Amino acid sequence: MGLAADQAATRKSAKYADFTAAYIFQPIAVENLGPINASALDFISNLGQKKISYLSGDDREAQFSFERISVAINSVLLHDSFCIDCPDQ
């Protein structure tokens, strides 16, 4: 499960390999039915559970992070499904 997402993340890492010296790069790849690549899953879980939860005091921060990512992806997909400059069909 998530094999395609892991392969996409590997391709993204190769594409942006030059950024790794100056930035922390974490590829995020999500499949159509929801699986996310393993490294992003670990990164977001760690960020939510250990970093953001510590500052906010809310143990649900990891779940909130996944929900925000889901909303952002769905917003982009919904936006891209509308054609503003398309001629009437």
C-alpha atoms as a PDB file:
ATOM      1  CA  MET A   1       0.000   0.000   0.000  1.00  0.00           C
ATOM      2  CA  GLY A   2       1.397   3.384  -0.979  1.00  0.00           C
ATOM      3  CA  LEU A   3       3.944   1.966  -3.428  1.00  0.00           C
ATOM      4  CA  ALA A   4       3.105   4.508  -6.144  1.00  0.00           C
ATOM      5  CA  ALA A   5       3.369   7.347  -3.608  1.00  0.00           C
ATOM      6  CA  ASP A   6       6.768   6.073  -2.458  1.00  0.00           C
ATOM      7  CA  GLN A   7       7.982   5.881  -6.070  1.00  0.00           C
ATOM      8  CA  ALA A   8       6.727   9.421  -6.761  1.00  0.00           C
ATOM      9  CA  ALA A   9       8.498  10.675  -3.634  1.00  0.00           C
ATOM     10  CA  THR A  10      11.728   9.052  -4.796  1.00  0.00           C
ATOM     11  CA  ARG A  11      11.416  10.820  -8.166  1.00  0.00           C
ATOM     12  CA  LYS A  12      10.766  14.150  -6.424  1.00  0.00           C
ATOM     13  CA  SER A  13      13.814  13.666  -4.204  1.00  0.00           C
ATOM     14  CA  ALA A  14      15.966  13.041  -7.266  1.00  0.00           C
ATOM     15  CA  LYS A  15      14.512  16.069  -9.062  1.00  0.00           C
ATOM     16  CA  TYR A  16      15.223  18.420  -6.165  1.00  0.00           C
ATOM     17  CA  ALA A  17      18.488  16.851  -4.981  1.00  0.00           C
ATOM     18  CA  ASP A  18      20.327  20.166  -5.377  1.00  0.00           C
ATOM     19  CA  PHE A  19      18.093  21.792  -2.739  1.00  0.00           C
ATOM     20  CA  THR A  20      19.155  19.441   0.039  1.00  0.00           C
ATOM     21  CA  ALA A  21      22.305  21.408   0.877  1.00  0.00           C
ATOM     22  CA  ALA A  22      20.469  24.636   1.661  1.00  0.00           C
ATOM     23  CA  TYR A  23      16.996  23.385   2.655  1.00  0.00           C
ATOM     24  CA  ILE A  24      15.252  20.535   4.372  1.00  0.00           C
ATOM     25  CA  PHE A  25      13.321  18.894   1.541  1.00  0.00           C
ATOM     26  CA  GLN A  26      10.508  16.476   2.337  1.00  0.00           C
ATOM     27  CA  PRO A  27       8.695  15.087  -0.705  1.00  0.00           C
ATOM     28  CA  ILE A  28       4.988  14.534  -0.191  1.00  0.00           C
ATOM     29  CA  ALA A  29       3.216  12.232  -2.622  1.00  0.00           C
ATOM     30  CA  VAL A  30      -0.385  11.119  -2.234  1.00  0.00           C
ATOM     31  CA  GLU A  31      -2.175   8.465  -4.253  1.00  0.00           C
ATOM     32  CA  ASN A  32      -5.718   8.909  -5.581  1.00  0.00           C
ATOM     33  CA  LEU A  33      -7.339   6.879  -2.823  1.00  0.00           C
ATOM     34  CA  GLY A  34      -5.309   8.377  -0.023  1.00  0.00           C
ATOM     35  CA  PRO A  35      -2.054   6.529   0.716  1.00  0.00           C
ATOM     36  CA  ILE A  36       0.815   8.924   1.396  1.00  0.00           C
ATOM     37  CA  ASN A  37       4.490   8.103   0.961  1.00  0.00           C
ATOM     38  CA  ALA A  38       6.151   6.598   4.036  1.00  0.00           C
ATOM     39  CA  SER A  39       8.742   9.329   4.634  1.00  0.00           C
ATOM     40  CA  ALA A  40       6.104  12.083   4.510  1.00  0.00           C
ATOM     41  CA  LEU A  41       3.875  10.075   6.838  1.00  0.00           C
ATOM     42  CA  ASP A  42       6.714   9.834   9.358  1.00  0.00           C
ATOM     43  CA  PHE A  43       7.657  13.494   8.924  1.00  0.00           C
ATOM     44  CA  ILE A  44       4.123  14.850   9.377  1.00  0.00           C
ATOM     45  CA  SER A  45       3.405  12.530  12.289  1.00  0.00           C
ATOM     46  CA  ASN A  46       6.635  13.546  14.018  1.00  0.00           C
ATOM     47  CA  LEU A  47       6.041  17.215  13.342  1.00  0.00           C
ATOM     48  CA  GLY A  48       2.490  17.076  14.668  1.00  0.00           C
ATOM     49  CA  GLN A  49       3.079  14.838  17.657  1.00  0.00           C
ATOM     50  CA  LYS A  50       6.426  16.042  18.906  1.00  0.00           C
ATOM     51  CA  LYS A  51       6.748  19.628  17.764  1.00  0.00           C
ATOM     52  CA  ILE A  52       3.364  21.286  17.279  1.00  0.00           C
ATOM     53  CA  SER A  53       1.597  19.368  20.069  1.00  0.00           C
ATOM     54  CA  TYR A  54       4.330  20.379  22.474  1.00  0.00           C
ATOM     55  CA  LEU A  55       3.780  24.055  21.686  1.00  0.00           C
ATOM     56  CA  SER A  56      -0.015  23.988  21.524  1.00  0.00           C
ATOM     57  CA  GLY A  57      -0.701  21.428  24.233  1.00  0.00           C
ATOM     58  CA  ASP A  58      -3.179  19.603  21.972  1.00  0.00           C
ATOM     59  CA  ASP A  59      -2.403  15.930  21.264  1.00  0.00           C
ATOM     60  CA  ARG A  60      -4.501  15.988  18.070  1.00  0.00           C
ATOM     61  CA  GLU A  61      -2.118  18.209  16.111  1.00  0.00           C
ATOM     62  CA  ALA A  62      -0.827  15.362  13.910  1.00  0.00           C
ATOM     63  CA  GLN A  63      -4.392  14.558  12.836  1.00  0.00           C
ATOM     64  CA  PHE A  64      -5.073  18.247  12.195  1.00  0.00           C
ATOM     65  CA  SER A  65      -1.966  18.401   9.984  1.00  0.00           C
ATOM     66  CA  PHE A  66      -3.174  15.480   7.859  1.00  0.00           C
ATOM     67  CA  GLU A  67      -6.607  17.085   7.581  1.00  0.00           C
ATOM     68  CA  ARG A  68      -5.083  20.390   6.437  1.00  0.00           C
ATOM     69  CA  ILE A  69      -3.023  18.626   3.793  1.00  0.00           C
ATOM     70  CA  SER A  70      -6.121  16.762   2.597  1.00  0.00           C
ATOM     71  CA  VAL A  71      -8.097  19.996   2.324  1.00  0.00           C
ATOM     72  CA  ALA A  72      -5.264  21.682   0.429  1.00  0.00           C
ATOM     73  CA  ILE A  73      -5.003  18.816  -2.068  1.00  0.00           C
ATOM     74  CA  ASN A  74      -8.762  18.679  -2.573  1.00  0.00           C
ATOM     75  CA  SER A  75      -8.886  22.461  -3.052  1.00  0.00           C
ATOM     76  CA  VAL A  76      -6.263  22.301  -5.788  1.00  0.00           C
ATOM     77  CA  LEU A  77      -8.038  19.410  -7.500  1.00  0.00           C
ATOM     78  CA  LEU A  78     -11.390  21.178  -7.319  1.00  0.00           C
ATOM     79  CA  HIS A  79      -9.904  24.437  -8.596  1.00  0.00           C
ATOM     80  CA  ASP A  80      -8.231  22.667 -11.495  1.00  0.00           C
ATOM     81  CA  SER A  81     -11.521  21.025 -12.490  1.00  0.00           C
ATOM     82  CA  PHE A  82     -13.043  24.396 -13.441  1.00  0.00           C
ATOM     83  CA  CYS A  83     -12.220  25.993 -16.745  1.00  0.00           C
ATOM     84  CA  ILE A  84     -12.657  29.754 -16.538  1.00  0.00           C
ATOM     85  CA  ASP A  85     -11.574  30.676 -20.071  1.00  0.00           C
ATOM     86  CA  CYS A  86     -13.115  27.687 -21.861  1.00  0.00           C
ATOM     87  CA  PRO A  87     -15.509  28.394 -24.725  1.00  0.00           C
ATOM     88  CA  ASP A  88     -19.093  27.270 -24.202  1.00  0.00           C
ATOM     89  CA  GLN A  89     -19.619  23.721 -25.315  1.00  0.00           C
END
